[in-house]
């Protein structure tokens, strides 16, 4: 059985605590805490998609800071966190998924992708490909 993304983060956190990796420990605790806080909201489930979104949002925030400042700690944090993200679908994989879904309209294609491949595709690329295939 495959470990959930949250379990992977917690396992890596345990290793970081054991090895006195202060920066890694802080980064992982922040992401874990943020995901757990978001899951406290009604109707929000603590699943891999939520954890991946928290990781992506953290990386995006770090990149915003890095655009204005040189922060090696944030570069290291981004490298650490990006290792936990699932591999994104290529344009070819998105195209194959849409063709295999039988979707006839762009909204149907996007609904299929969201339901079956949530967090694994770039929305702009998927929308562009869906429009090409369904028009």
Protein backbone atom coordinates (compact mmCIF):
# COMPACT_ATOMS: atom_id res chain seq x y z
CA UNK A 1 0.00 0.00 0.00
CA UNK A 2 1.28 3.44 -0.93
CA UNK A 3 1.86 6.02 1.81
CA UNK A 4 -0.21 9.17 1.72
CA UNK A 5 1.56 12.45 1.11
CA UNK A 6 0.92 13.48 4.72
CA UNK A 7 2.48 10.22 5.93
CA UNK A 8 5.52 10.86 3.73
CA UNK A 9 5.90 14.35 5.22
CA UNK A 10 5.59 13.00 8.77
CA UNK A 11 8.11 10.23 8.09
CA UNK A 12 10.60 12.76 6.69
CA UNK A 13 9.90 15.06 9.66
CA UNK A 14 10.74 12.21 12.05
CA UNK A 15 14.08 11.71 10.25
CA UNK A 16 14.77 15.46 10.36
CA UNK A 17 14.12 15.58 14.10
CA UNK A 18 16.39 12.57 14.68
CA UNK A 19 19.18 14.10 12.58
CA UNK A 20 18.80 17.61 14.03
CA UNK A 21 17.98 19.11 10.63
CA UNK A 22 16.48 22.33 11.98
CA UNK A 23 15.55 23.99 8.67
CA UNK A 24 13.97 20.81 7.27
CA UNK A 25 12.09 20.25 10.52
CA UNK A 26 10.70 23.79 10.50
CA UNK A 27 9.64 23.63 6.84
CA UNK A 28 7.89 20.29 7.22
CA UNK A 29 6.14 21.27 10.45
CA UNK A 30 4.86 24.43 8.78
CA UNK A 31 3.41 22.53 5.80
CA UNK A 32 1.92 19.79 7.99
CA UNK A 33 0.35 22.36 10.32
CA UNK A 34 -1.06 24.41 7.45
CA UNK A 35 -2.62 21.32 5.86
CA UNK A 36 -4.11 20.20 9.18
CA UNK A 37 -5.54 23.69 9.78
CA UNK A 38 -7.16 23.76 6.33
CA UNK A 39 -8.66 20.31 6.99
CA UNK A 40 -10.45 21.65 10.08
CA UNK A 41 -12.82 23.62 7.86
CA UNK A 42 -16.20 21.98 7.19
CA UNK A 43 -16.23 19.94 4.01
CA UNK A 44 -12.45 19.94 3.61
CA UNK A 45 -10.75 16.55 3.67
CA UNK A 46 -7.09 16.02 4.55
CA UNK A 47 -6.11 14.17 1.39
CA UNK A 48 -3.13 14.17 -0.96
CA UNK A 49 -4.70 16.89 -3.12
CA UNK A 50 -4.99 19.26 -0.15
CA UNK A 51 -1.44 18.56 1.03
CA UNK A 52 -0.09 19.01 -2.51
CA UNK A 53 -1.94 22.35 -2.77
CA UNK A 54 -0.40 23.53 0.52
CA UNK A 55 3.05 22.53 -0.76
CA UNK A 56 2.48 24.29 -4.11
CA UNK A 57 1.20 27.42 -2.35
CA UNK A 58 4.25 27.43 -0.07
CA UNK A 59 6.60 27.10 -3.04
CA UNK A 60 4.71 29.86 -4.89
CA UNK A 61 4.99 32.17 -1.88
CA UNK A 62 8.69 31.42 -1.60
CA UNK A 63 9.14 32.16 -5.31
CA UNK A 64 7.41 35.52 -4.85
CA UNK A 65 9.93 36.43 -2.15
CA UNK A 66 12.83 35.08 -4.21
CA UNK A 67 11.86 37.38 -7.08
CA UNK A 68 12.85 40.32 -4.87
CA UNK A 69 15.47 38.90 -2.52
CA UNK A 70 18.28 36.37 -2.49
CA UNK A 71 17.21 33.85 0.15
CA UNK A 72 19.17 30.57 0.01
CA UNK A 73 16.99 29.18 2.81
CA UNK A 74 13.88 29.51 0.63
CA UNK A 75 15.64 27.94 -2.35
CA UNK A 76 16.53 24.97 -0.13
CA UNK A 77 12.96 24.80 1.20
CA UNK A 78 11.56 24.77 -2.34
CA UNK A 79 13.92 21.94 -3.31
CA UNK A 80 12.87 19.95 -0.24
CA UNK A 81 9.15 20.48 -0.78
CA UNK A 82 9.17 19.89 -4.54
CA UNK A 83 10.44 16.35 -3.88
CA UNK A 84 7.08 15.57 -2.26
CA UNK A 85 4.95 16.75 -5.18
CA UNK A 86 3.69 14.12 -7.60
CA UNK A 87 4.98 14.19 -11.17
CA UNK A 88 2.82 16.49 -13.28
CA UNK A 89 1.12 15.11 -16.38
CA UNK A 90 2.74 15.98 -19.70
CA UNK A 91 0.70 17.54 -22.51
CA UNK A 92 0.61 14.13 -24.20
CA UNK A 93 -0.71 12.45 -21.06
CA UNK A 94 -3.38 15.15 -20.67
CA UNK A 95 -4.39 14.66 -24.32
CA UNK A 96 -4.60 10.87 -23.89
CA UNK A 97 -6.68 11.22 -20.73
CA UNK A 98 -9.15 13.59 -22.41
CA UNK A 99 -9.43 11.40 -25.50
CA UNK A 100 -9.96 8.34 -23.31
CA UNK A 101 -12.64 10.08 -21.28
CA UNK A 102 -15.06 10.46 -24.17
CA UNK A 103 -15.63 14.11 -23.23
CA UNK A 104 -17.31 16.07 -26.00
CA UNK A 105 -17.07 19.56 -24.52
CA UNK A 106 -14.31 21.51 -22.81
CA UNK A 107 -16.17 21.62 -19.45
CA UNK A 108 -16.69 17.83 -19.58
CA UNK A 109 -12.98 17.32 -20.26
CA UNK A 110 -11.98 19.61 -17.39
CA UNK A 111 -14.45 17.90 -15.03
CA UNK A 112 -12.99 14.53 -15.98
CA UNK A 113 -9.43 15.70 -15.37
CA UNK A 114 -10.36 17.30 -12.04
CA UNK A 115 -12.17 14.18 -10.87
CA UNK A 116 -9.54 11.68 -11.98
CA UNK A 117 -6.23 13.54 -12.02
CA UNK A 118 -6.66 16.30 -9.44
CA UNK A 119 -3.44 18.17 -8.73
CA UNK A 120 -1.52 16.31 -11.43
CA UNK A 121 -1.96 18.69 -14.35
CA UNK A 122 -1.40 22.32 -15.20
CA UNK A 123 -4.80 23.97 -15.56
CA UNK A 124 -3.79 26.33 -18.37
CA UNK A 125 -2.28 23.52 -20.44
CA UNK A 126 -5.27 21.27 -19.80
CA UNK A 127 -7.72 23.99 -20.80
CA UNK A 128 -5.79 24.70 -24.01
CA UNK A 129 -5.64 20.99 -24.92
CA UNK A 130 -9.30 20.44 -24.02
CA UNK A 131 -10.33 23.36 -26.24
CA UNK A 132 -8.29 21.96 -29.15
CA UNK A 133 -9.79 18.48 -28.79
CA UNK A 134 -13.42 19.43 -28.19
CA UNK A 135 -14.01 22.21 -30.72
